[in-house]
Amino acid sequence: MTVKTLKELRDRTPFKPFELQLADGNRLTVVSTDHLFFFPTHAELLVVLPDGGFRFVDPAQVVSAGSNGPGRVKHAS
């Protein structure tokens, strides 16, 4: 998944919560715009979890992102 695509999901108006599906099968929910941060190097993302925890994620490990419906964005293989 490209950082550009992830930024577009985070920055769309109006914001809609979305999930990141990771290569290891985990799903991370982004509940608001301030729950997804991008480092200047784009080597990692910081996802703040709904329970207040956080997780660092390599963007290359995001295989799809979006709502559970038909608007889901898949990683180009």
Protein backbone atom coordinates (compact mmCIF):
# COMPACT_ATOMS: atom_id res chain seq x y z
CA MET A 1 0.00 0.00 0.00
CA THR A 2 1.41 3.40 -0.85
CA VAL A 3 1.76 6.13 1.75
CA LYS A 4 -0.03 8.45 -0.68
CA THR A 5 -3.12 6.20 -0.71
CA LEU A 6 -3.10 5.92 3.08
CA LYS A 7 -2.83 9.70 3.45
CA GLU A 8 -5.77 10.12 1.07
CA LEU A 9 -7.89 7.78 3.22
CA ARG A 10 -6.90 9.65 6.38
CA ASP A 11 -7.46 13.10 4.89
CA ARG A 12 -10.73 12.60 3.03
CA THR A 13 -13.64 14.84 3.95
CA PRO A 14 -15.79 13.89 5.64
CA PHE A 15 -13.55 11.42 7.44
CA LYS A 16 -14.85 7.85 7.68
CA PRO A 17 -13.19 5.32 10.00
CA PHE A 18 -11.34 2.58 8.14
CA GLU A 19 -9.32 -0.57 8.73
CA LEU A 20 -5.80 -1.49 7.71
CA GLN A 21 -5.46 -5.17 6.82
CA LEU A 22 -1.88 -6.28 7.48
CA ALA A 23 0.05 -9.09 5.80
CA ASP A 24 0.11 -11.04 9.09
CA GLY A 25 -3.72 -11.11 9.16
CA ASN A 26 -4.15 -8.42 11.82
CA ARG A 27 -6.55 -5.54 11.29
CA LEU A 28 -6.05 -2.10 12.74
CA THR A 29 -8.92 0.38 12.93
CA VAL A 30 -8.24 4.07 12.30
CA VAL A 31 -11.09 5.85 14.10
CA SER A 32 -10.13 9.48 13.39
CA THR A 33 -7.62 11.57 11.46
CA ASP A 34 -5.46 11.97 14.55
CA HIS A 35 -5.06 8.20 14.96
CA LEU A 36 -2.74 7.76 11.95
CA PHE A 37 0.66 9.48 11.77
CA PHE A 38 3.29 9.39 9.05
CA PHE A 39 7.00 9.75 9.73
CA PRO A 40 8.95 12.04 7.37
CA THR A 41 10.95 9.11 5.99
CA HIS A 42 7.74 7.14 5.25
CA ALA A 43 9.51 4.07 6.64
CA GLU A 44 6.80 3.57 9.28
CA LEU A 45 3.30 4.62 10.26
CA LEU A 46 2.05 5.10 13.77
CA VAL A 47 -1.49 3.84 14.34
CA VAL A 48 -3.17 4.84 17.61
CA LEU A 49 -5.55 2.03 18.52
CA PRO A 50 -9.11 2.61 19.79
CA ASP A 51 -8.08 1.30 23.26
CA GLY A 52 -5.34 3.96 23.55
CA GLY A 53 -2.44 1.69 22.61
CA PHE A 54 -0.39 2.17 19.50
CA ARG A 55 1.43 0.20 16.85
CA PHE A 56 4.24 1.01 14.44
CA VAL A 57 3.56 -0.38 10.96
CA ASP A 58 5.70 -0.73 7.84
CA PRO A 59 3.50 0.57 4.97
CA ALA A 60 4.64 -2.40 2.86
CA GLN A 61 2.81 -4.68 5.33
CA VAL A 62 -0.57 -3.04 4.62
CA VAL A 63 -2.27 -5.27 2.05
CA SER A 64 -5.59 -3.40 1.93
CA ALA A 65 -7.33 -0.48 3.56
CA GLY A 66 -10.82 0.89 3.77
CA SER A 67 -14.22 0.07 5.13
CA ASN A 68 -15.47 -3.49 5.07
CA GLY A 69 -17.68 -2.61 2.12
CA PRO A 70 -17.07 -2.26 -1.61
CA GLY A 71 -14.80 0.80 -1.25
CA ARG A 72 -11.86 -1.25 0.08
CA VAL A 73 -8.48 -0.40 -1.51
CA LYS A 74 -6.22 -3.38 -2.19
CA HIS A 75 -2.45 -3.38 -2.45
CA ALA A 76 -1.25 -3.72 -6.04
CA SER A 77 0.82 -6.89 -6.30
